[in-house]
Amino acid sequence: PDFVLRAIMDPTNANELDAMLKEAKIIEELSPTVHLLHLSYKSVWPTTARDFSVVNVIGRTDSETRIHAACSIVDPRIPEERGFVRGNIIAGGYVIKDFPGDPESSHVTYITQVDLKGSVPSFVVNKITELQPQCVNELRRLVDAKYTNLRTNSQKMKEFEDEFPIYSVLQPSTQSELTRDPENEESSETVVNMTEMEKEENNVEERDKTSG
């Protein structure tokens, strides 16, 4: 899984894994596992090109699982641009797990849930839906062709591992200046309020026990 995740992390592979990607720009490294990105994509006739403001999480969740996941976020450092329609990535990325019984293999799941916004003909949606999952096949081809030779060269393998270190995504993240999406503002406040309510309920229970 580490080897496959590093292949995804390697920016030289970005356009091969996603032929529709025009540019992926890192705006800020918020922590070793979290990055703020601006992604721009090529247009598909007759639609306008799309771009996305996303936060990306890369790393190890446990001893058997690695993730490369993204979702859209509102940030003033990534304003909407002329010539693009700002889409919304609800959830997207890879889940890479150990393949049972074969330490040389990985089980890769690709997830994508995107609102392209604007007006998009159904045939364009169907085309994109067909093309996007092909990145898993491209990933397999890349790993087989481009990185197999590293297995027999310990020095190059070490250089590759040092260039793309993998950290636990469960480690504390640094403070960021990210702006919450207004559409999610209400749900975020609800979580906070529920937490406060639970604390108050626990306090009441403790007082009742003390009184009894």
N, C-alpha and C. Protein backbone atom coordinates (compact mmCIF):
# COMPACT_ATOMS: atom_id res chain seq x y z
N PRO A 1 0.81 -1.24 0.00
CA PRO A 1 0.00 0.00 0.00
C PRO A 1 0.84 1.28 0.00
N ASP A 2 1.94 1.29 0.74
CA ASP A 2 2.80 2.48 0.76
C ASP A 2 3.34 2.78 -0.64
N PHE A 3 3.72 1.74 -1.34
CA PHE A 3 4.29 1.90 -2.68
C PHE A 3 3.26 2.50 -3.63
N VAL A 4 2.02 2.00 -3.57
CA VAL A 4 0.95 2.49 -4.43
C VAL A 4 0.61 3.93 -4.08
N LEU A 5 0.53 4.24 -2.78
CA LEU A 5 0.22 5.61 -2.36
C LEU A 5 1.27 6.59 -2.84
N ARG A 6 2.53 6.20 -2.79
CA ARG A 6 3.61 7.09 -3.27
C ARG A 6 3.48 7.34 -4.77
N ALA A 7 3.01 6.34 -5.50
CA ALA A 7 2.81 6.53 -6.94
C ALA A 7 1.73 7.58 -7.19
N ILE A 8 0.70 7.60 -6.35
CA ILE A 8 -0.35 8.61 -6.47
C ILE A 8 0.18 9.98 -6.05
N MET A 9 1.02 10.02 -5.02
CA MET A 9 1.56 11.28 -4.51
C MET A 9 2.53 11.93 -5.48
N ASP A 10 3.17 11.15 -6.33
CA ASP A 10 4.17 11.67 -7.27
C ASP A 10 3.48 12.59 -8.29
N PRO A 11 3.75 13.90 -8.27
CA PRO A 11 3.05 14.84 -9.16
C PRO A 11 3.31 14.59 -10.64
N THR A 12 4.42 13.92 -10.97
CA THR A 12 4.70 13.63 -12.38
C THR A 12 3.71 12.62 -12.96
N ASN A 13 2.95 11.96 -12.08
CA ASN A 13 1.97 10.97 -12.55
C ASN A 13 0.56 11.53 -12.64
N ALA A 14 0.36 12.77 -12.20
CA ALA A 14 -0.99 13.32 -12.07
C ALA A 14 -1.78 13.26 -13.37
N ASN A 15 -1.19 13.69 -14.48
CA ASN A 15 -1.92 13.74 -15.74
C ASN A 15 -2.13 12.35 -16.35
N GLU A 16 -1.27 11.41 -15.99
CA GLU A 16 -1.47 10.05 -16.48
C GLU A 16 -2.60 9.37 -15.71
N LEU A 17 -2.71 9.67 -14.42
CA LEU A 17 -3.78 9.08 -13.63
C LEU A 17 -5.13 9.71 -13.96
N ASP A 18 -5.12 10.98 -14.33
CA ASP A 18 -6.36 11.69 -14.66
C ASP A 18 -6.12 12.53 -15.90
N ALA A 19 -6.51 11.99 -17.05
CA ALA A 19 -6.25 12.65 -18.33
C ALA A 19 -7.00 13.96 -18.47
N MET A 20 -8.04 14.16 -17.66
CA MET A 20 -8.83 15.38 -17.76
C MET A 20 -8.25 16.52 -16.92
N LEU A 21 -7.30 16.20 -16.05
CA LEU A 21 -6.70 17.21 -15.18
C LEU A 21 -5.81 18.15 -15.99
N LYS A 22 -6.02 19.45 -15.80
CA LYS A 22 -5.20 20.46 -16.47
C LYS A 22 -4.05 20.89 -15.59
N GLU A 23 -4.35 21.18 -14.31
CA GLU A 23 -3.32 21.62 -13.37
C GLU A 23 -3.76 21.35 -11.94
N ALA A 24 -2.80 20.93 -11.12
CA ALA A 24 -3.03 20.77 -9.68
C ALA A 24 -1.99 21.63 -8.97
N LYS A 25 -2.45 22.65 -8.28
CA LYS A 25 -1.54 23.60 -7.63
C LYS A 25 -1.71 23.54 -6.11
N ILE A 26 -0.58 23.33 -5.42
CA ILE A 26 -0.61 23.34 -3.96
C ILE A 26 -0.59 24.78 -3.47
N ILE A 27 -1.64 25.19 -2.77
CA ILE A 27 -1.73 26.55 -2.24
C ILE A 27 -1.02 26.64 -0.89
N GLU A 28 -1.21 25.61 -0.06
CA GLU A 28 -0.56 25.61 1.26
C GLU A 28 -0.48 24.18 1.79
N GLU A 29 0.65 23.88 2.41
CA GLU A 29 0.78 22.63 3.16
C GLU A 29 0.38 22.92 4.60
N LEU A 30 -0.80 22.46 4.98
CA LEU A 30 -1.33 22.76 6.30
C LEU A 30 -0.71 21.87 7.37
N SER A 31 -0.30 20.69 6.97
CA SER A 31 0.40 19.74 7.85
C SER A 31 1.04 18.71 6.93
N PRO A 32 1.85 17.80 7.46
CA PRO A 32 2.44 16.78 6.58
C PRO A 32 1.42 15.93 5.84
N THR A 33 0.18 15.87 6.33
CA THR A 33 -0.83 15.03 5.70
C THR A 33 -1.98 15.80 5.06
N VAL A 34 -2.01 17.12 5.25
CA VAL A 34 -3.15 17.91 4.76
C VAL A 34 -2.66 19.06 3.88
N HIS A 35 -3.26 19.19 2.68
CA HIS A 35 -2.87 20.24 1.75
C HIS A 35 -4.10 20.95 1.19
N LEU A 36 -3.94 22.24 0.96
CA LEU A 36 -4.96 23.03 0.29
C LEU A 36 -4.57 23.11 -1.19
N LEU A 37 -5.48 22.70 -2.08
CA LEU A 37 -5.16 22.60 -3.50
C LEU A 37 -6.17 23.35 -4.36
N HIS A 38 -5.67 23.80 -5.52
CA HIS A 38 -6.55 24.32 -6.56
C HIS A 38 -6.41 23.39 -7.76
N LEU A 39 -7.52 22.73 -8.12
CA LEU A 39 -7.52 21.79 -9.24
C LEU A 39 -8.30 22.39 -10.39
N SER A 40 -7.71 22.41 -11.57
CA SER A 40 -8.42 22.86 -12.77
C SER A 40 -8.43 21.74 -13.80
N TYR A 41 -9.59 21.62 -14.48
CA TYR A 41 -9.80 20.52 -15.43
C TYR A 41 -10.12 21.05 -16.82
N LYS A 42 -9.80 20.25 -17.80
CA LYS A 42 -10.07 20.60 -19.19
C LYS A 42 -11.57 20.59 -19.44
N SER A 43 -11.99 21.40 -20.41
CA SER A 43 -13.40 21.42 -20.77
C SER A 43 -13.75 20.21 -21.63
N VAL A 44 -14.98 19.80 -21.54
CA VAL A 44 -15.52 18.74 -22.40
C VAL A 44 -16.63 19.37 -23.24
N TRP A 45 -16.43 19.43 -24.54
CA TRP A 45 -17.39 20.09 -25.42
C TRP A 45 -18.78 19.52 -25.18
N PRO A 46 -19.79 20.36 -25.06
CA PRO A 46 -19.82 21.83 -25.25
C PRO A 46 -19.83 22.58 -23.91
N THR A 47 -19.29 22.02 -22.87
CA THR A 47 -19.36 22.64 -21.55
C THR A 47 -18.13 23.49 -21.26
N THR A 48 -18.23 24.32 -20.21
CA THR A 48 -17.12 25.14 -19.74
C THR A 48 -16.22 24.30 -18.84
N ALA A 49 -14.94 24.63 -18.80
CA ALA A 49 -14.00 23.92 -17.93
C ALA A 49 -14.41 24.10 -16.46
N ARG A 50 -14.05 23.11 -15.64
CA ARG A 50 -14.36 23.16 -14.21
C ARG A 50 -13.09 23.30 -13.39
N ASP A 51 -13.23 23.94 -12.22
CA ASP A 51 -12.13 23.95 -11.27
C ASP A 51 -12.69 23.73 -9.87
N PHE A 52 -11.77 23.41 -8.93
CA PHE A 52 -12.19 23.04 -7.59
C PHE A 52 -11.20 23.58 -6.56
N SER A 53 -11.72 24.04 -5.45
CA SER A 53 -10.92 24.41 -4.29
C SER A 53 -11.09 23.28 -3.28
N VAL A 54 -10.00 22.57 -2.99
CA VAL A 54 -10.15 21.36 -2.16
C VAL A 54 -9.10 21.29 -1.06
N VAL A 55 -9.45 20.54 -0.02
CA VAL A 55 -8.49 20.14 1.00
C VAL A 55 -8.25 18.66 0.80
N ASN A 56 -6.98 18.29 0.79
CA ASN A 56 -6.58 16.92 0.46
C ASN A 56 -5.87 16.29 1.65
N VAL A 57 -6.25 15.07 1.98
CA VAL A 57 -5.65 14.34 3.09
C VAL A 57 -4.96 13.10 2.55
N ILE A 58 -3.69 12.93 2.91
CA ILE A 58 -2.90 11.81 2.41
C ILE A 58 -2.19 11.15 3.59
N GLY A 59 -2.30 9.84 3.68
CA GLY A 59 -1.54 9.17 4.73
C GLY A 59 -2.07 7.83 5.14
N ARG A 60 -1.60 7.39 6.30
CA ARG A 60 -1.92 6.07 6.84
C ARG A 60 -2.97 6.20 7.94
N THR A 61 -4.05 5.45 7.82
CA THR A 61 -5.08 5.47 8.87
C THR A 61 -4.88 4.35 9.88
N ASP A 62 -4.32 3.24 9.45
CA ASP A 62 -3.95 2.15 10.35
C ASP A 62 -2.90 1.31 9.65
N SER A 63 -2.53 0.19 10.24
CA SER A 63 -1.43 -0.61 9.70
C SER A 63 -1.76 -1.22 8.34
N GLU A 64 -3.04 -1.27 7.97
CA GLU A 64 -3.43 -1.92 6.73
C GLU A 64 -4.01 -0.97 5.69
N THR A 65 -4.26 0.30 6.04
CA THR A 65 -5.00 1.19 5.16
C THR A 65 -4.30 2.52 4.94
N ARG A 66 -4.28 2.95 3.67
CA ARG A 66 -3.77 4.27 3.30
C ARG A 66 -4.88 4.99 2.55
N ILE A 67 -4.91 6.32 2.65
CA ILE A 67 -5.93 7.09 1.93
C ILE A 67 -5.31 8.28 1.20
N HIS A 68 -5.96 8.66 0.13
CA HIS A 68 -5.65 9.88 -0.61
C HIS A 68 -7.01 10.47 -0.94
N ALA A 69 -7.51 11.35 -0.07
CA ALA A 69 -8.90 11.79 -0.15
C ALA A 69 -9.01 13.30 -0.22
N ALA A 70 -10.09 13.78 -0.85
CA ALA A 70 -10.28 15.22 -1.01
C ALA A 70 -11.76 15.58 -0.93
N CYS A 71 -12.02 16.84 -0.51
CA CYS A 71 -13.37 17.39 -0.59
C CYS A 71 -13.24 18.90 -0.79
N SER A 72 -14.27 19.50 -1.33
CA SER A 72 -14.23 20.94 -1.61
C SER A 72 -14.30 21.75 -0.33
N ILE A 73 -13.72 22.94 -0.40
CA ILE A 73 -13.73 23.86 0.73
C ILE A 73 -13.69 25.28 0.19
N VAL A 74 -14.28 26.21 0.92
CA VAL A 74 -14.26 27.62 0.52
C VAL A 74 -13.05 28.28 1.17
N ASP A 75 -12.22 28.92 0.35
CA ASP A 75 -11.04 29.61 0.87
C ASP A 75 -10.78 30.83 0.00
N PRO A 76 -10.57 32.00 0.63
CA PRO A 76 -10.37 33.24 -0.13
C PRO A 76 -9.12 33.23 -1.00
N ARG A 77 -8.20 32.33 -0.70
CA ARG A 77 -6.97 32.25 -1.52
C ARG A 77 -7.20 31.55 -2.84
N ILE A 78 -8.40 30.96 -3.02
CA ILE A 78 -8.71 30.29 -4.27
C ILE A 78 -10.03 30.86 -4.79
N PRO A 79 -10.01 32.09 -5.29
CA PRO A 79 -11.25 32.70 -5.80
C PRO A 79 -11.67 32.05 -7.12
N GLU A 80 -12.93 32.19 -7.45
CA GLU A 80 -13.41 31.68 -8.73
C GLU A 80 -12.76 32.47 -9.86
N GLU A 81 -12.48 31.78 -10.97
CA GLU A 81 -11.75 32.40 -12.08
C GLU A 81 -12.60 32.45 -13.33
N ARG A 82 -12.33 33.45 -14.15
CA ARG A 82 -13.00 33.58 -15.43
C ARG A 82 -12.64 32.37 -16.31
N GLY A 83 -13.61 31.83 -16.98
CA GLY A 83 -13.36 30.70 -17.88
C GLY A 83 -13.57 29.35 -17.21
N PHE A 84 -13.90 29.36 -15.90
CA PHE A 84 -14.14 28.10 -15.18
C PHE A 84 -15.45 28.19 -14.41
N VAL A 85 -16.11 27.06 -14.26
CA VAL A 85 -17.24 26.93 -13.35
C VAL A 85 -16.73 26.19 -12.13
N ARG A 86 -16.94 26.76 -10.94
CA ARG A 86 -16.45 26.16 -9.70
C ARG A 86 -17.35 24.98 -9.30
N GLY A 87 -16.80 23.79 -9.38
CA GLY A 87 -17.54 22.59 -9.00
C GLY A 87 -17.37 22.28 -7.52
N ASN A 88 -18.06 21.23 -7.09
CA ASN A 88 -18.03 20.84 -5.69
C ASN A 88 -17.71 19.35 -5.57
N ILE A 89 -16.54 19.04 -5.01
CA ILE A 89 -16.19 17.64 -4.74
C ILE A 89 -16.74 17.29 -3.37
N ILE A 90 -17.77 16.47 -3.35
CA ILE A 90 -18.37 16.06 -2.08
C ILE A 90 -17.47 15.06 -1.38
N ALA A 91 -16.95 14.12 -2.15
CA ALA A 91 -15.97 13.15 -1.64
C ALA A 91 -15.25 12.54 -2.82
N GLY A 92 -13.95 12.35 -2.68
CA GLY A 92 -13.20 11.75 -3.78
C GLY A 92 -11.84 11.28 -3.33
N GLY A 93 -11.32 10.27 -4.02
CA GLY A 93 -9.98 9.80 -3.71
C GLY A 93 -9.84 8.29 -3.73
N TYR A 94 -8.78 7.83 -3.09
CA TYR A 94 -8.44 6.41 -3.09
C TYR A 94 -8.39 5.87 -1.66
N VAL A 95 -8.79 4.61 -1.52
CA VAL A 95 -8.56 3.85 -0.30
C VAL A 95 -7.72 2.65 -0.70
N ILE A 96 -6.54 2.53 -0.10
CA ILE A 96 -5.59 1.47 -0.47
C ILE A 96 -5.37 0.57 0.73
N LYS A 97 -5.66 -0.70 0.57
CA LYS A 97 -5.56 -1.63 1.69
C LYS A 97 -4.65 -2.81 1.32
N ASP A 98 -4.09 -3.44 2.35
CA ASP A 98 -3.33 -4.67 2.14
C ASP A 98 -4.22 -5.71 1.47
N PHE A 99 -3.64 -6.46 0.55
CA PHE A 99 -4.38 -7.56 -0.08
C PHE A 99 -4.12 -8.82 0.74
N PRO A 100 -5.16 -9.42 1.31
CA PRO A 100 -4.97 -10.58 2.20
C PRO A 100 -4.18 -11.71 1.55
N GLY A 101 -3.13 -12.14 2.24
CA GLY A 101 -2.35 -13.27 1.77
C GLY A 101 -1.30 -12.95 0.73
N ASP A 102 -1.21 -11.68 0.29
CA ASP A 102 -0.23 -11.32 -0.74
C ASP A 102 0.37 -9.96 -0.41
N PRO A 103 1.51 -9.92 0.29
CA PRO A 103 2.13 -8.65 0.69
C PRO A 103 2.61 -7.80 -0.47
N GLU A 104 2.72 -8.38 -1.67
CA GLU A 104 3.16 -7.63 -2.84
C GLU A 104 2.01 -6.98 -3.59
N SER A 105 0.78 -7.18 -3.12
CA SER A 105 -0.39 -6.65 -3.82
C SER A 105 -1.20 -5.73 -2.90
N SER A 106 -2.03 -4.89 -3.52
CA SER A 106 -2.89 -3.97 -2.78
C SER A 106 -4.30 -4.00 -3.35
N HIS A 107 -5.27 -3.74 -2.50
CA HIS A 107 -6.66 -3.60 -2.92
C HIS A 107 -6.97 -2.11 -2.97
N VAL A 108 -7.29 -1.59 -4.17
CA VAL A 108 -7.49 -0.15 -4.36
C VAL A 108 -8.95 0.13 -4.68
N THR A 109 -9.54 1.05 -3.92
CA THR A 109 -10.91 1.51 -4.18
C THR A 109 -10.87 2.99 -4.54
N TYR A 110 -11.51 3.34 -5.65
CA TYR A 110 -11.58 4.74 -6.07
C TYR A 110 -12.99 5.25 -5.80
N ILE A 111 -13.07 6.41 -5.16
CA ILE A 111 -14.36 6.99 -4.78
C ILE A 111 -14.48 8.38 -5.39
N THR A 112 -15.62 8.68 -6.00
CA THR A 112 -15.83 10.02 -6.50
C THR A 112 -17.31 10.39 -6.43
N GLN A 113 -17.59 11.54 -5.83
CA GLN A 113 -18.94 12.10 -5.77
C GLN A 113 -18.80 13.59 -5.98
N VAL A 114 -19.18 14.05 -7.17
CA VAL A 114 -18.91 15.42 -7.58
C VAL A 114 -20.17 16.08 -8.13
N ASP A 115 -20.38 17.32 -7.74
CA ASP A 115 -21.42 18.16 -8.34
C ASP A 115 -20.71 19.12 -9.27
N LEU A 116 -20.92 18.95 -10.58
CA LEU A 116 -20.22 19.76 -11.56
C LEU A 116 -20.78 21.18 -11.66
N LYS A 117 -21.93 21.42 -11.06
CA LYS A 117 -22.58 22.74 -11.09
C LYS A 117 -22.86 23.16 -12.54
N GLY A 118 -23.60 24.23 -12.70
CA GLY A 118 -23.91 24.73 -14.03
C GLY A 118 -24.76 23.75 -14.82
N SER A 119 -24.80 23.97 -16.11
CA SER A 119 -25.58 23.13 -17.03
C SER A 119 -24.67 22.14 -17.73
N VAL A 120 -24.93 20.86 -17.52
CA VAL A 120 -24.10 19.81 -18.12
C VAL A 120 -25.00 18.79 -18.81
N PRO A 121 -24.88 18.63 -20.14
CA PRO A 121 -25.69 17.63 -20.86
C PRO A 121 -25.46 16.23 -20.30
N SER A 122 -26.47 15.40 -20.37
CA SER A 122 -26.38 14.04 -19.82
C SER A 122 -25.28 13.23 -20.49
N PHE A 123 -25.04 13.44 -21.80
CA PHE A 123 -24.01 12.65 -22.48
C PHE A 123 -22.62 13.00 -21.96
N VAL A 124 -22.43 14.27 -21.53
CA VAL A 124 -21.15 14.67 -20.95
C VAL A 124 -20.98 14.01 -19.58
N VAL A 125 -22.04 14.02 -18.78
CA VAL A 125 -21.99 13.36 -17.47
C VAL A 125 -21.66 11.88 -17.63
N ASN A 126 -22.29 11.23 -18.60
CA ASN A 126 -22.05 9.81 -18.85
C ASN A 126 -20.60 9.56 -19.27
N LYS A 127 -20.07 10.46 -20.08
CA LYS A 127 -18.69 10.31 -20.54
C LYS A 127 -17.71 10.43 -19.38
N ILE A 128 -17.92 11.44 -18.53
CA ILE A 128 -17.05 11.65 -17.38
C ILE A 128 -17.16 10.48 -16.40
N THR A 129 -18.38 10.01 -16.19
CA THR A 129 -18.60 8.87 -15.30
C THR A 129 -17.88 7.63 -15.79
N GLU A 130 -17.78 7.50 -17.09
CA GLU A 130 -17.08 6.35 -17.68
C GLU A 130 -15.57 6.51 -17.59
N LEU A 131 -15.07 7.74 -17.78
CA LEU A 131 -13.63 7.97 -17.84
C LEU A 131 -12.96 7.98 -16.46
N GLN A 132 -13.59 8.60 -15.48
CA GLN A 132 -12.94 8.81 -14.19
C GLN A 132 -12.44 7.53 -13.52
N PRO A 133 -13.23 6.46 -13.45
CA PRO A 133 -12.75 5.25 -12.77
C PRO A 133 -11.57 4.57 -13.46
N GLN A 134 -11.30 4.98 -14.72
CA GLN A 134 -10.18 4.37 -15.44
C GLN A 134 -8.84 4.69 -14.79
N CYS A 135 -8.84 5.66 -13.87
CA CYS A 135 -7.59 6.03 -13.20
C CYS A 135 -7.02 4.85 -12.41
N VAL A 136 -7.87 3.93 -11.97
CA VAL A 136 -7.38 2.76 -11.24
C VAL A 136 -6.56 1.86 -12.17
N ASN A 137 -7.04 1.70 -13.41
CA ASN A 137 -6.28 0.92 -14.39
C ASN A 137 -4.95 1.60 -14.71
N GLU A 138 -4.99 2.94 -14.83
CA GLU A 138 -3.77 3.69 -15.09
C GLU A 138 -2.79 3.57 -13.92
N LEU A 139 -3.32 3.57 -12.72
CA LEU A 139 -2.48 3.43 -11.54
C LEU A 139 -1.77 2.08 -11.54
N ARG A 140 -2.50 1.04 -11.87
CA ARG A 140 -1.89 -0.29 -11.93
C ARG A 140 -0.80 -0.34 -13.00
N ARG A 141 -1.09 0.26 -14.15
CA ARG A 141 -0.09 0.28 -15.22
C ARG A 141 1.17 1.04 -14.80
N LEU A 142 0.97 2.18 -14.13
CA LEU A 142 2.10 2.98 -13.67
C LEU A 142 2.96 2.22 -12.68
N VAL A 143 2.32 1.59 -11.71
CA VAL A 143 3.06 0.84 -10.69
C VAL A 143 3.85 -0.29 -11.33
N ASP A 144 3.20 -0.99 -12.26
CA ASP A 144 3.88 -2.11 -12.93
C ASP A 144 5.05 -1.65 -13.79
N ALA A 145 4.82 -0.57 -14.57
CA ALA A 145 5.82 -0.15 -15.54
C ALA A 145 6.89 0.78 -14.99
N LYS A 146 6.47 1.75 -14.19
CA LYS A 146 7.40 2.81 -13.80
C LYS A 146 8.17 2.53 -12.53
N TYR A 147 7.59 1.71 -11.63
CA TYR A 147 8.21 1.55 -10.33
C TYR A 147 8.71 0.15 -10.01
N THR A 148 8.40 -0.81 -10.86
CA THR A 148 8.84 -2.18 -10.60
C THR A 148 10.36 -2.26 -10.49
N ASN A 149 11.06 -1.48 -11.32
CA ASN A 149 12.52 -1.53 -11.31
C ASN A 149 13.11 -1.03 -9.98
N LEU A 150 12.33 -0.23 -9.22
CA LEU A 150 12.84 0.27 -7.94
C LEU A 150 12.98 -0.85 -6.91
N ARG A 151 12.23 -1.89 -7.07
CA ARG A 151 12.27 -2.99 -6.12
C ARG A 151 13.64 -3.66 -6.09
N THR A 152 14.35 -3.59 -7.20
CA THR A 152 15.66 -4.25 -7.28
C THR A 152 16.81 -3.27 -7.10
N ASN A 153 16.50 -2.01 -6.81
CA ASN A 153 17.53 -1.00 -6.59
C ASN A 153 17.24 -0.32 -5.25
N SER A 154 17.90 -0.79 -4.21
CA SER A 154 17.60 -0.32 -2.87
C SER A 154 17.88 1.17 -2.70
N GLN A 155 18.90 1.70 -3.38
CA GLN A 155 19.24 3.12 -3.26
C GLN A 155 18.13 3.99 -3.87
N LYS A 156 17.68 3.64 -5.07
CA LYS A 156 16.60 4.40 -5.72
C LYS A 156 15.29 4.26 -4.94
N MET A 157 15.08 3.08 -4.38
CA MET A 157 13.87 2.88 -3.58
C MET A 157 13.88 3.79 -2.36
N LYS A 158 15.04 3.88 -1.71
CA LYS A 158 15.15 4.74 -0.53
C LYS A 158 14.92 6.21 -0.91
N GLU A 159 15.50 6.64 -2.03
CA GLU A 159 15.31 8.01 -2.49
C GLU A 159 13.84 8.30 -2.77
N PHE A 160 13.16 7.32 -3.35
CA PHE A 160 11.73 7.45 -3.65
C PHE A 160 10.92 7.55 -2.37
N GLU A 161 11.24 6.73 -1.39
CA GLU A 161 10.54 6.74 -0.11
C GLU A 161 10.80 8.05 0.65
N ASP A 162 12.04 8.55 0.57
CA ASP A 162 12.38 9.81 1.25
C ASP A 162 11.68 11.00 0.60
N GLU A 163 11.49 10.94 -0.72
CA GLU A 163 10.86 12.05 -1.44
C GLU A 163 9.37 12.14 -1.12
N PHE A 164 8.74 10.98 -0.88
CA PHE A 164 7.31 10.95 -0.60
C PHE A 164 7.04 10.20 0.70
N PRO A 165 7.37 10.83 1.83
CA PRO A 165 7.14 10.18 3.13
C PRO A 165 5.66 10.03 3.41
N ILE A 166 5.32 9.00 4.17
CA ILE A 166 3.92 8.74 4.52
C ILE A 166 3.77 8.83 6.03
N TYR A 167 2.82 9.66 6.46
CA TYR A 167 2.59 9.87 7.89
C TYR A 167 1.20 9.35 8.27
N SER A 168 0.98 9.22 9.55
CA SER A 168 -0.34 8.87 10.04
C SER A 168 -1.25 10.08 9.94
N VAL A 169 -2.45 9.90 9.39
CA VAL A 169 -3.39 11.01 9.29
C VAL A 169 -4.04 11.30 10.63
N LEU A 170 -3.79 10.47 11.63
CA LEU A 170 -4.38 10.66 12.94
C LEU A 170 -3.55 11.57 13.84
N GLN A 171 -2.37 12.00 13.35
CA GLN A 171 -1.54 12.88 14.15
C GLN A 171 -2.16 14.27 14.19
N PRO A 172 -1.88 15.07 15.23
CA PRO A 172 -2.47 16.41 15.31
C PRO A 172 -2.08 17.26 14.12
N SER A 173 -3.02 18.00 13.56
CA SER A 173 -2.75 18.88 12.42
C SER A 173 -2.45 20.29 12.91
N THR A 174 -1.75 21.04 12.09
CA THR A 174 -1.45 22.43 12.44
C THR A 174 -2.69 23.28 12.23
N GLN A 175 -2.74 24.44 12.89
CA GLN A 175 -3.86 25.34 12.70
C GLN A 175 -3.84 25.89 11.28
N SER A 176 -5.00 26.04 10.69
CA SER A 176 -5.07 26.56 9.32
C SER A 176 -5.98 27.78 9.29
N GLU A 177 -5.96 28.46 8.14
CA GLU A 177 -6.81 29.62 7.95
C GLU A 177 -7.98 29.29 7.03
N LEU A 178 -8.36 28.01 6.96
CA LEU A 178 -9.42 27.60 6.06
C LEU A 178 -10.76 28.19 6.50
N THR A 179 -11.58 28.54 5.52
CA THR A 179 -12.90 29.08 5.79
C THR A 179 -13.94 27.99 5.62
N ARG A 180 -14.85 27.87 6.59
CA ARG A 180 -15.88 26.85 6.49
C ARG A 180 -16.85 27.20 5.38
N ASP A 181 -17.39 26.17 4.72
CA ASP A 181 -18.38 26.35 3.67
C ASP A 181 -19.68 26.82 4.32
N PRO A 182 -20.23 27.94 3.88
CA PRO A 182 -21.47 28.45 4.48
C PRO A 182 -22.60 27.43 4.44
N GLU A 183 -22.62 26.56 3.41
CA GLU A 183 -23.68 25.57 3.31
C GLU A 183 -23.61 24.56 4.44
N ASN A 184 -22.39 24.38 5.00
CA ASN A 184 -22.23 23.42 6.08
C ASN A 184 -22.19 24.09 7.46
N GLU A 185 -22.39 25.41 7.47
CA GLU A 185 -22.28 26.16 8.72
C GLU A 185 -23.29 25.67 9.75
N GLU A 186 -24.53 25.44 9.29
CA GLU A 186 -25.59 25.04 10.22
C GLU A 186 -25.28 23.69 10.84
N SER A 187 -24.83 22.72 10.01
CA SER A 187 -24.54 21.39 10.54
C SER A 187 -23.38 21.43 11.51
N SER A 188 -22.39 22.31 11.25
CA SER A 188 -21.25 22.42 12.15
C SER A 188 -21.70 22.95 13.50
N GLU A 189 -22.58 23.95 13.49
CA GLU A 189 -23.08 24.51 14.74
C GLU A 189 -23.90 23.48 15.50
N THR A 190 -24.64 22.64 14.74
CA THR A 190 -25.46 21.62 15.38
C THR A 190 -24.61 20.64 16.15
N VAL A 191 -23.46 20.25 15.57
CA VAL A 191 -22.55 19.34 16.25
C VAL A 191 -22.06 19.95 17.55
N VAL A 192 -21.68 21.22 17.49
CA VAL A 192 -21.20 21.91 18.69
C VAL A 192 -22.29 21.96 19.74
N ASN A 193 -23.52 22.34 19.33
CA ASN A 193 -24.61 22.44 20.27
C ASN A 193 -24.96 21.10 20.90
N MET A 194 -24.92 20.03 20.11
CA MET A 194 -25.21 18.71 20.62
C MET A 194 -24.17 18.31 21.66
N THR A 195 -22.90 18.67 21.39
CA THR A 195 -21.83 18.35 22.34
C THR A 195 -22.07 19.07 23.66
N GLU A 196 -22.45 20.34 23.59
CA GLU A 196 -22.73 21.11 24.80
C GLU A 196 -23.92 20.53 25.56
N MET A 197 -24.95 20.07 24.82
CA MET A 197 -26.11 19.47 25.44
C MET A 197 -25.75 18.19 26.18
N GLU A 198 -24.88 17.38 25.52
CA GLU A 198 -24.46 16.14 26.14
C GLU A 198 -23.69 16.42 27.43
N LYS A 199 -22.85 17.46 27.42
CA LYS A 199 -22.09 17.82 28.61
C LYS A 199 -23.04 18.22 29.74
N GLU A 200 -24.08 19.01 29.39
CA GLU A 200 -25.03 19.47 30.39
C GLU A 200 -25.82 18.30 30.97
N GLU A 201 -26.21 17.34 30.08
CA GLU A 201 -26.94 16.17 30.55
C GLU A 201 -26.09 15.36 31.52
N ASN A 202 -24.80 15.23 31.21
CA ASN A 202 -23.90 14.49 32.10
C ASN A 202 -23.77 15.20 33.45
N ASN A 203 -23.73 16.55 33.41
CA ASN A 203 -23.63 17.30 34.66
C ASN A 203 -24.88 17.11 35.52
N VAL A 204 -26.05 17.08 34.86
CA VAL A 204 -27.30 16.88 35.58
C VAL A 204 -27.32 15.51 36.24
N GLU A 205 -26.86 14.49 35.46
CA GLU A 205 -26.82 13.13 36.01
C GLU A 205 -25.90 13.07 37.22
N GLU A 206 -24.76 13.74 37.13
CA GLU A 206 -23.81 13.73 38.25
C GLU A 206 -24.42 14.41 39.48
N ARG A 207 -25.16 15.53 39.26
CA ARG A 207 -25.78 16.23 40.39
C ARG A 207 -26.87 15.37 41.03
N ASP A 208 -27.62 14.62 40.16
CA ASP A 208 -28.66 13.74 40.69
C ASP A 208 -28.08 12.64 41.56
N LYS A 209 -26.95 12.10 41.09
CA LYS A 209 -26.29 11.04 41.87
C LYS A 209 -25.82 11.58 43.21
N THR A 210 -25.27 12.81 43.15
CA THR A 210 -24.75 13.42 44.39
C THR A 210 -25.89 13.68 45.38
N SER A 211 -27.03 14.18 44.83
CA SER A 211 -28.18 14.47 45.68
C SER A 211 -28.75 13.20 46.30
N GLY A 212 -28.73 12.11 45.52
CA GLY A 212 -29.26 10.85 46.02
C GLY A 212 -28.38 10.27 47.09
